[in-house]
Protein backbone atom coordinates (compact mmCIF):
# COMPACT_ATOMS: atom_id res chain seq x y z
CA UNK A 1 -144.08 -57.44 -74.37
CA UNK A 2 -143.15 -53.76 -74.52
CA UNK A 3 -144.88 -53.36 -77.89
CA UNK A 4 -147.96 -55.15 -76.55
CA UNK A 5 -148.12 -52.76 -73.60
CA UNK A 6 -147.95 -49.73 -75.91
CA UNK A 7 -150.74 -51.19 -78.04
CA UNK A 8 -152.89 -51.79 -74.94
CA UNK A 9 -152.36 -48.22 -73.73
CA UNK A 10 -153.14 -46.88 -77.19
CA UNK A 11 -156.37 -48.89 -77.38
CA UNK A 12 -157.36 -47.72 -73.92
CA UNK A 13 -156.73 -44.11 -74.90
CA UNK A 14 -158.83 -44.50 -78.05
CA UNK A 15 -161.59 -46.10 -75.97
CA UNK A 16 -161.57 -43.19 -73.52
CA UNK A 17 -161.68 -40.66 -76.38
CA UNK A 18 -164.67 -42.45 -77.89
CA UNK A 19 -166.39 -42.43 -74.48
CA UNK A 20 -165.80 -38.69 -74.15
CA UNK A 21 -167.19 -38.11 -77.64
CA UNK A 22 -170.32 -40.16 -76.94
CA UNK A 23 -170.85 -38.71 -73.46
CA UNK A 24 -172.93 -35.83 -74.83
CA UNK A 25 -175.19 -38.24 -76.70
CA UNK A 26 -175.44 -40.44 -73.61
CA UNK A 27 -176.47 -37.47 -71.44
CA UNK A 28 -179.13 -36.50 -74.00
CA UNK A 29 -180.43 -40.09 -74.11
CA UNK A 30 -180.42 -40.31 -70.31
CA UNK A 31 -182.58 -37.19 -70.05
CA UNK A 32 -185.07 -38.77 -72.45
CA UNK A 33 -185.02 -42.04 -70.49
CA UNK A 34 -185.58 -40.32 -67.15
CA UNK A 35 -189.27 -40.00 -68.05
CA UNK A 36 -189.38 -43.74 -68.67
CA UNK A 37 -187.67 -44.36 -65.33
CA UNK A 38 -190.32 -42.22 -63.58
CA UNK A 39 -193.01 -44.49 -65.02
CA UNK A 40 -191.05 -47.60 -64.00
CA UNK A 41 -190.59 -46.08 -60.55
CA UNK A 42 -194.36 -45.75 -60.12
CA UNK A 43 -194.97 -49.26 -61.42
CA UNK A 44 -192.35 -50.65 -59.03
CA UNK A 45 -193.87 -48.76 -56.11
CA UNK A 46 -197.27 -50.27 -56.90
CA UNK A 47 -195.63 -53.68 -57.33
CA UNK A 48 -193.72 -53.34 -54.05
CA UNK A 49 -196.98 -52.73 -52.20
CA UNK A 50 -198.29 -56.04 -53.54
CA UNK A 51 -195.21 -58.26 -53.26
CA UNK A 52 -191.74 -57.04 -52.31
CA UNK A 53 -190.16 -60.45 -51.66
CA UNK A 54 -189.79 -61.53 -55.29
CA UNK A 55 -187.11 -59.62 -57.24
CA UNK A 56 -188.33 -59.06 -60.78
CA UNK A 57 -185.95 -58.36 -63.69
CA UNK A 58 -187.29 -54.79 -63.74
CA UNK A 59 -186.49 -54.27 -60.06
CA UNK A 60 -182.97 -55.65 -60.54
CA UNK A 61 -182.53 -53.36 -63.54
CA UNK A 62 -183.94 -50.47 -61.54
CA UNK A 63 -181.63 -51.04 -58.59
CA UNK A 64 -178.70 -51.15 -61.02
CA UNK A 65 -179.93 -47.88 -62.55
CA UNK A 66 -180.36 -46.14 -59.20
CA UNK A 67 -176.85 -47.16 -58.12
CA UNK A 68 -175.36 -45.62 -61.26
CA UNK A 69 -177.53 -42.48 -61.40
């Protein structure tokens, strides 16, 4: 079990290193996607004026995005 724990820690460390490496690319992609989110924001605002009771997949995705932004 000791060897398994070392392996788990090692994998976690590798995973974190990969995340750090890709963080720059993720930030760059997020900046590009922010324009798309502005468009979605406007569409959702127009949609919310019509019918706010029904949660659409886009609105669920959007709420998830706004929580994590």
